Amino acid sequence: MRNVRTFILLAILISGGCAKPPDAAENSNAAVAPPTISPAVDGRAAKLAELKKKIAPFFELMGPPRKNDWLASFKEPGQTFEEYTAGNPTLPTAARRTIYIQPAGDFTPLEKRVLDLTAEYMRVFYGLPVKMNAPLSLAKVPPAMRRKNPLEGHEQIKAGYFLDDVLPKLLPADAAAFICLTNVDLYPDENWNFVFGQANLETRVGVWSMKRFGRPEKSAEDYMMFLGRTLKVAMHETGHMFSMQHCTKYVCLMSGSNNLPETDRQPLDVCPECMAKIAWGLDYPPAKRYRALAAFWKKLGWRDEEKTSLAKAAAVESAQ
């Protein structure tokens, strides 16, 4: 079986500092859907196609990329809702409906708090059970899977160590996705400076790092930035695990990002196209999802996000 991997968010070349495209076999799952696909015809998909129009005003259309943005480096076609439904996406089954998060490393109290909030957000974001495993020690990572970053000098672990050697052996039988989160920097191979995350879509495992998201202990503002970045990357990578490709129509949580400023410009929720994918693929009614998101933001005290989620809920409810 072909090994399908997707590099998530940021991947910078050591030579030159610009993004390096993966080999064709390692590109995102762009080959899943054929170039021309008839719209899905089942009633649920047709209804969601209408609900997309209600959510569109909340999102900005993707404009020309800025210098060094993802789409300036990677020419991607995107993925419509209709292409997604026709493309045989990887989805939870009756026997595999739980998302597992596997922490790896030693975490500070604030990092642990972010981990807990990430699990909570993932529950309401995807509407699936989420379980957090006990942290995994990194003391026995083989020397061949470690290195010193050639530009910055800090320790890194090869992402393939988690994807190939660790996570498949620990994969629970009921896992819809098995995601490892670490605070150690990652690299995919010797030609890259670092990568935020990487996933194997066939084995349903992925790993991402929050090493470069800032210092949450520095200030309240830094903590909020660290939390927001972690939530975005965690939801983004999990979306890839369910065959959602990078979004190119809207500025969206599922859009690719080539740098942290680009990530910071992206929202904490998915656009109309990707909302419909979640609702259809995970059987998660949009109004229910938006109200669950609003409750999460209310608990966190992020009032703008709460108000926006409630407005989205009202918008889709008005069409039902």
Protein backbone atom coordinates (compact mmCIF):
# COMPACT_ATOMS: atom_id res chain seq x y z
CA MET A 1 0.00 0.00 0.00
CA ARG A 2 1.31 3.44 -0.93
CA ASN A 3 2.51 5.41 2.05
CA VAL A 4 0.52 8.63 2.05
CA ARG A 5 1.81 11.39 4.27
CA THR A 6 0.94 15.02 4.50
CA PHE A 7 3.14 17.73 5.91
CA ILE A 8 1.04 19.95 8.14
CA LEU A 9 1.43 23.72 8.22
CA LEU A 10 5.06 24.82 8.36
CA ALA A 11 8.06 23.15 6.77
CA ILE A 12 11.15 25.25 6.11
CA LEU A 13 14.19 24.24 4.09
CA ILE A 14 17.57 24.54 5.74
CA SER A 15 18.96 25.98 2.52
CA GLY A 16 17.21 29.21 1.64
CA GLY A 17 14.46 29.31 4.27
CA CYS A 18 11.56 28.64 1.90
CA ALA A 19 9.11 25.77 1.86
CA LYS A 20 10.10 22.61 0.03
CA PRO A 21 7.30 20.69 -1.69
CA PRO A 22 7.09 17.02 -0.70
CA ASP A 23 7.54 14.29 -3.27
CA ALA A 24 4.37 13.38 -5.11
CA ALA A 25 3.87 10.32 -2.91
CA GLU A 26 4.14 12.51 0.17
CA ASN A 27 1.85 15.31 -0.93
CA SER A 28 -1.51 15.74 0.77
CA ASN A 29 -4.31 13.46 -0.28
CA ALA A 30 -4.91 15.48 -3.44
CA ALA A 31 -5.27 12.31 -5.49
CA VAL A 32 -8.26 11.07 -3.49
CA ALA A 33 -10.87 12.86 -5.61
CA PRO A 34 -10.94 12.72 -9.42
CA PRO A 35 -10.68 16.05 -11.27
CA THR A 36 -14.35 16.20 -12.30
CA ILE A 37 -16.98 14.97 -9.86
CA SER A 38 -20.76 15.21 -9.96
CA PRO A 39 -22.31 16.84 -6.86
CA ALA A 40 -23.46 14.48 -4.14
CA VAL A 41 -27.12 13.69 -4.49
CA ASP A 42 -28.20 12.39 -1.09
CA GLY A 43 -30.61 14.63 0.80
CA ARG A 44 -28.27 15.41 3.68
CA ALA A 45 -25.53 16.62 1.37
CA ALA A 46 -28.02 18.72 -0.58
CA LYS A 47 -29.22 20.38 2.64
CA LEU A 48 -25.66 21.09 3.74
CA ALA A 49 -24.93 22.65 0.37
CA GLU A 50 -27.69 25.16 1.19
CA LEU A 51 -26.42 25.75 4.73
CA LYS A 52 -23.00 26.68 3.34
CA LYS A 53 -24.55 29.88 2.00
CA LYS A 54 -25.65 30.86 5.52
CA ILE A 55 -22.10 30.57 6.87
CA ALA A 56 -20.30 32.22 3.95
CA PRO A 57 -20.67 35.81 5.31
CA PHE A 58 -18.59 34.88 8.37
CA PHE A 59 -15.51 34.07 6.29
CA GLU A 60 -13.12 35.95 4.04
CA LEU A 61 -12.49 34.63 0.56
CA MET A 62 -8.89 33.65 -0.09
CA GLY A 63 -7.14 36.45 -1.94
CA PRO A 64 -3.74 36.54 -3.62
CA PRO A 65 -1.11 35.06 -1.28
CA ARG A 66 1.40 37.29 0.43
CA LYS A 67 5.08 36.68 -0.10
CA ASN A 68 6.11 33.44 1.67
CA ASP A 69 2.50 32.40 2.30
CA TRP A 70 1.55 28.77 1.73
CA LEU A 71 -0.15 29.30 -1.62
CA ALA A 72 2.81 31.32 -2.85
CA SER A 73 4.89 28.14 -2.48
CA PHE A 74 2.36 25.34 -3.02
CA LYS A 75 -0.10 25.44 -5.90
CA GLU A 76 -3.08 23.51 -4.55
CA PRO A 77 -6.51 23.12 -6.17
CA GLY A 78 -8.44 22.91 -2.93
CA GLN A 79 -11.35 20.57 -2.28
CA THR A 80 -15.05 21.36 -2.52
CA PHE A 81 -17.67 19.72 -0.34
CA GLU A 82 -18.94 17.83 -3.38
CA GLU A 83 -15.46 16.52 -4.17
CA TYR A 84 -15.08 15.44 -0.57
CA THR A 85 -18.31 13.44 -0.47
CA ALA A 86 -17.48 11.74 -3.77
CA GLY A 87 -13.88 10.99 -2.83
CA ASN A 88 -14.33 8.07 -0.40
CA PRO A 89 -12.90 9.98 2.59
CA THR A 90 -11.40 8.27 5.63
CA LEU A 91 -14.06 8.60 8.32
CA PRO A 92 -14.95 7.15 11.73
CA THR A 93 -16.82 3.86 11.75
CA ALA A 94 -19.13 2.25 14.27
CA ALA A 95 -16.12 0.43 15.71
CA ARG A 96 -13.68 3.36 15.45
CA ARG A 97 -15.17 6.60 16.75
CA THR A 98 -12.70 7.86 19.35
CA ILE A 99 -9.92 10.40 18.85
CA TYR A 100 -6.89 9.64 21.03
CA ILE A 101 -4.31 12.24 22.03
CA GLN A 102 -0.90 10.92 23.04
CA PRO A 103 1.27 13.48 24.87
CA ALA A 104 5.00 12.87 24.47
CA GLY A 105 7.57 14.58 26.68
CA ASP A 106 7.67 16.53 29.93
CA PHE A 107 5.10 19.33 30.05
CA THR A 108 4.91 22.42 32.24
CA PRO A 109 1.68 23.08 34.18
CA LEU A 110 0.57 25.64 31.59
CA GLU A 111 1.35 23.27 28.73
CA LYS A 112 -0.69 20.58 30.49
CA ARG A 113 -3.55 23.05 30.77
CA VAL A 114 -3.34 23.69 27.02
CA LEU A 115 -3.34 19.94 26.38
CA ASP A 116 -6.54 19.54 28.40
CA LEU A 117 -8.22 22.43 26.58
CA THR A 118 -7.11 21.00 23.24
CA ALA A 119 -8.82 17.71 24.05
CA GLU A 120 -11.96 19.55 25.18
CA TYR A 121 -12.02 21.70 22.03
CA MET A 122 -11.51 18.67 19.83
CA ARG A 123 -14.59 17.02 21.38
CA VAL A 124 -16.86 19.92 20.47
CA PHE A 125 -15.10 20.69 17.17
CA TYR A 126 -15.52 17.19 15.70
CA GLY A 127 -18.33 15.84 17.86
CA LEU A 128 -16.46 12.66 18.74
CA PRO A 129 -15.21 11.19 22.04
CA VAL A 130 -11.64 12.25 22.83
CA LYS A 131 -9.36 10.40 25.23
CA MET A 132 -6.04 11.62 26.57
CA ASN A 133 -3.37 9.00 27.21
CA ALA A 134 -0.71 9.23 29.91
CA PRO A 135 2.41 11.10 28.71
CA LEU A 136 5.02 9.10 26.83
CA SER A 137 8.65 9.42 27.91
CA LEU A 138 11.17 10.53 25.29
CA ALA A 139 14.16 9.25 27.25
CA LYS A 140 14.60 6.21 25.02
CA VAL A 141 14.35 7.85 21.60
CA PRO A 142 17.20 6.28 19.57
CA PRO A 143 20.14 8.56 18.68
CA ALA A 144 19.43 7.96 15.00
CA MET A 145 16.06 9.65 15.48
CA ARG A 146 17.47 12.73 17.23
CA ARG A 147 19.58 15.62 16.05
CA LYS A 148 20.63 19.15 16.92
CA ASN A 149 18.92 21.70 14.72
CA PRO A 150 21.66 22.83 12.31
CA LEU A 151 20.56 26.48 12.43
CA GLU A 152 19.36 26.92 16.00
CA GLY A 153 21.15 24.19 17.95
CA HIS A 154 18.26 22.78 19.98
CA GLU A 155 17.20 19.13 20.08
CA GLN A 156 14.80 17.75 17.50
CA ILE A 157 13.15 14.37 16.98
CA LYS A 158 12.41 12.90 13.57
CA ALA A 159 8.66 12.85 12.96
CA GLY A 160 8.92 9.42 11.37
CA TYR A 161 9.96 7.97 14.73
CA PHE A 162 6.45 8.62 16.01
CA LEU A 163 4.64 7.80 12.76
CA ASP A 164 6.46 4.55 11.99
CA ASP A 165 7.93 3.21 15.22
CA VAL A 166 5.73 4.36 18.10
CA LEU A 167 2.15 5.24 17.27
CA PRO A 168 1.19 2.26 15.06
CA LYS A 169 2.15 -0.10 17.89
CA LEU A 170 0.00 1.82 20.38
CA LEU A 171 -2.97 2.44 18.07
CA PRO A 172 -6.18 1.58 19.98
CA ALA A 173 -8.64 -0.65 18.16
CA ASP A 174 -11.43 1.92 18.52
CA ALA A 175 -9.34 4.89 17.33
CA ALA A 176 -10.73 7.05 14.56
CA ALA A 177 -7.47 9.00 14.80
CA PHE A 178 -4.41 8.76 17.04
CA ILE A 179 -2.62 12.08 17.43
CA CYS A 180 0.64 12.61 19.29
CA LEU A 181 1.42 16.05 20.72
CA THR A 182 4.92 16.92 21.88
CA ASN A 183 6.77 20.00 23.07
CA VAL A 184 9.96 18.87 21.34
CA ASP A 185 10.74 20.25 17.89
CA LEU A 186 10.21 17.95 14.89
CA TYR A 187 11.92 17.48 11.54
CA PRO A 188 10.85 15.21 8.65
CA ASP A 189 14.28 14.53 7.14
CA GLU A 190 17.79 15.96 7.00
CA ASN A 191 16.94 18.47 4.27
CA TRP A 192 14.39 20.32 6.37
CA ASN A 193 14.86 22.78 9.20
CA PHE A 194 11.68 21.78 11.03
CA VAL A 195 8.03 20.88 10.57
CA PHE A 196 5.03 21.61 12.79
CA GLY A 197 3.40 18.27 12.14
CA GLN A 198 3.08 15.25 9.93
CA ALA A 199 0.43 12.56 9.50
CA ASN A 200 -0.01 9.19 7.84
CA LEU A 201 -3.52 9.09 6.43
CA GLU A 202 -3.55 5.33 5.92
CA THR A 203 -2.59 4.31 9.44
CA ARG A 204 -4.65 7.11 11.10
CA VAL A 205 -1.69 8.41 13.12
CA GLY A 206 -0.19 11.87 13.29
CA VAL A 207 2.21 13.96 15.34
CA TRP A 208 2.51 17.68 15.90
CA SER A 209 4.74 19.91 17.99
CA MET A 210 3.98 23.06 19.96
CA LYS A 211 7.66 23.85 20.45
CA ARG A 212 7.54 26.97 18.27
CA PHE A 213 4.22 28.38 19.44
CA GLY A 214 5.75 30.71 22.02
CA ARG A 215 6.23 30.79 25.79
CA PRO A 216 2.88 30.54 27.56
CA GLU A 217 4.40 31.42 30.93
CA LYS A 218 5.69 34.79 29.70
CA SER A 219 2.41 36.70 29.94
CA ALA A 220 -1.36 36.28 29.67
CA GLU A 221 -1.17 37.45 26.05
CA ASP A 222 1.54 34.90 25.26
CA TYR A 223 -0.53 32.16 26.88
CA MET A 224 -3.55 33.02 24.75
CA MET A 225 -1.42 33.08 21.61
CA PHE A 226 0.13 29.72 22.52
CA LEU A 227 -3.29 28.22 23.19
CA GLY A 228 -4.79 29.57 19.98
CA ARG A 229 -1.94 28.23 17.87
CA THR A 230 -2.14 24.82 19.51
CA LEU A 231 -5.89 24.60 18.97
CA LYS A 232 -5.54 25.55 15.31
CA VAL A 233 -2.79 23.04 14.56
CA ALA A 234 -4.51 20.23 16.47
CA MET A 235 -7.86 20.74 14.69
CA HIS A 236 -6.11 21.23 11.33
CA GLU A 237 -4.13 18.02 11.57
CA THR A 238 -7.11 16.02 12.73
CA GLY A 239 -9.04 17.35 9.75
CA HIS A 240 -6.38 15.86 7.50
CA MET A 241 -6.88 12.53 9.26
CA PHE A 242 -10.48 12.66 8.00
CA SER A 243 -9.32 13.33 4.41
CA MET A 244 -9.93 17.09 4.48
CA GLN A 245 -7.48 18.76 2.13
CA HIS A 246 -6.13 22.28 2.45
CA CYS A 247 -8.81 24.90 1.90
CA THR A 248 -8.09 27.40 -0.88
CA LYS A 249 -11.49 29.08 -1.28
CA TYR A 250 -11.62 30.81 2.11
CA VAL A 251 -9.23 31.92 4.82
CA CYS A 252 -9.95 28.87 6.95
CA LEU A 253 -8.54 26.80 9.77
CA MET A 254 -7.90 24.12 7.12
CA SER A 255 -5.91 26.49 4.89
CA GLY A 256 -2.22 25.74 4.57
CA SER A 257 0.21 27.96 6.45
CA ASN A 258 3.87 28.56 5.75
CA ASN A 259 4.69 30.73 8.77
CA LEU A 260 3.32 31.67 12.17
CA PRO A 261 2.00 35.10 11.10
CA GLU A 262 -0.05 33.30 8.44
CA THR A 263 -1.33 30.85 11.06
CA ASP A 264 -2.26 33.74 13.34
CA ARG A 265 -4.34 35.33 10.57
CA GLN A 266 -6.43 32.19 10.19
CA PRO A 267 -9.63 31.66 12.20
CA LEU A 268 -10.25 29.13 14.93
CA ASP A 269 -13.04 27.48 12.96
CA VAL A 270 -13.52 26.00 9.50
CA CYS A 271 -15.16 27.68 6.52
CA PRO A 272 -18.54 26.74 4.95
CA GLU A 273 -17.02 24.07 2.69
CA CYS A 274 -15.17 22.39 5.55
CA MET A 275 -18.10 22.80 7.96
CA ALA A 276 -20.20 20.79 5.53
CA LYS A 277 -17.51 18.10 5.35
CA ILE A 278 -17.53 17.71 9.14
CA ALA A 279 -21.32 17.69 9.31
CA TRP A 280 -21.67 15.13 6.51
CA GLY A 281 -18.71 12.89 7.32
CA LEU A 282 -19.06 12.84 11.10
CA ASP A 283 -22.87 13.14 11.24
CA TYR A 284 -22.57 16.32 13.32
CA PRO A 285 -25.44 18.82 12.81
CA PRO A 286 -24.02 22.32 12.23
CA ALA A 287 -26.32 24.11 14.69
CA LYS A 288 -25.45 21.63 17.43
CA ARG A 289 -21.76 22.05 16.63
CA TYR A 290 -21.84 25.85 16.69
CA ARG A 291 -23.67 25.93 20.02
CA ALA A 292 -21.15 23.50 21.50
CA LEU A 293 -18.33 25.73 20.24
CA ALA A 294 -20.03 28.76 21.78
CA ALA A 295 -20.23 27.01 25.15
CA PHE A 296 -16.51 26.21 24.95
CA TRP A 297 -15.60 29.83 24.20
CA LYS A 298 -17.89 31.08 26.96
CA LYS A 299 -16.12 28.84 29.46
CA LEU A 300 -12.78 30.14 28.22
CA GLY A 301 -13.91 33.77 28.33
CA TRP A 302 -13.25 34.42 24.64
CA ARG A 303 -16.36 36.54 24.06
CA ASP A 304 -15.80 37.39 20.40
CA GLU A 305 -15.50 33.72 19.48
CA GLU A 306 -18.58 32.91 21.58
CA LYS A 307 -20.66 35.61 19.85
CA THR A 308 -19.53 34.50 16.39
CA SER A 309 -20.36 30.86 17.11
CA LEU A 310 -23.82 31.80 18.38
CA ALA A 311 -24.40 33.92 15.28
CA LYS A 312 -23.43 30.98 13.07
CA ALA A 313 -25.83 28.73 14.98
CA ALA A 314 -28.64 31.23 14.49
CA ALA A 315 -27.81 31.53 10.79
CA VAL A 316 -28.09 27.80 10.09
CA GLU A 317 -31.13 27.41 12.35
CA SER A 318 -32.93 30.08 10.33
CA ALA A 319 -32.66 27.84 7.27
CA GLN A 320 -34.07 24.72 8.95
